[in-house]
């Protein structure tokens, strides 16, 4: 696991566009889960 995390910076240096897309997907998933939690709490 640590080796994989250590290898990320070098991997992302070659694919900066992939990094942006990856961060965007993480943000989208984060917002979707926040919206889902908010709607669930408001519905109950």
Protein backbone atom coordinates (compact mmCIF):
# COMPACT_ATOMS: atom_id res chain seq x y z
CA UNK A 1 0.00 0.00 0.00
CA UNK A 2 2.78 2.45 0.98
CA UNK A 3 4.75 1.59 -2.19
CA UNK A 4 1.69 2.42 -4.28
CA UNK A 5 1.21 5.81 -2.57
CA UNK A 6 4.94 6.58 -2.93
CA UNK A 7 4.70 5.86 -6.67
CA UNK A 8 1.81 8.25 -7.25
CA UNK A 9 3.79 11.56 -7.59
CA UNK A 10 6.08 10.17 -10.32
CA UNK A 11 3.07 8.63 -12.09
CA UNK A 12 1.09 11.86 -12.01
CA UNK A 13 4.03 13.94 -13.27
CA UNK A 14 3.75 12.09 -16.58
CA UNK A 15 -0.05 12.26 -16.65
CA UNK A 16 -1.11 15.62 -15.19
CA UNK A 17 -4.37 15.55 -17.16
CA UNK A 18 -5.24 12.16 -15.65
CA UNK A 19 -4.59 13.66 -12.19
CA UNK A 20 -7.08 16.47 -12.85
CA UNK A 21 -9.70 13.99 -14.09
CA UNK A 22 -9.08 11.77 -11.05
CA UNK A 23 -9.50 14.67 -8.62
CA UNK A 24 -12.64 15.77 -10.45
CA UNK A 25 -14.16 12.29 -10.14
CA UNK A 26 -13.33 12.18 -6.42
CA UNK A 27 -14.95 15.59 -5.92
CA UNK A 28 -18.04 14.52 -7.84
CA UNK A 29 -18.38 11.34 -5.76
CA UNK A 30 -17.85 13.36 -2.57
CA UNK A 31 -20.59 15.85 -3.49
CA UNK A 32 -22.97 13.07 -4.56
CA UNK A 33 -22.53 11.27 -1.24
CA UNK A 34 -22.99 14.56 0.66
CA UNK A 35 -26.21 15.25 -1.28
CA UNK A 36 -27.42 11.69 -0.62
CA UNK A 37 -26.71 12.01 3.11
CA UNK A 38 -28.44 15.42 3.20
CA UNK A 39 -31.56 14.17 1.41
CA UNK A 40 -31.71 11.08 3.64
CA UNK A 41 -31.46 13.17 6.82
CA UNK A 42 -34.05 15.67 5.60
CA UNK A 43 -36.49 12.96 4.48
CA UNK A 44 -36.45 11.13 7.82
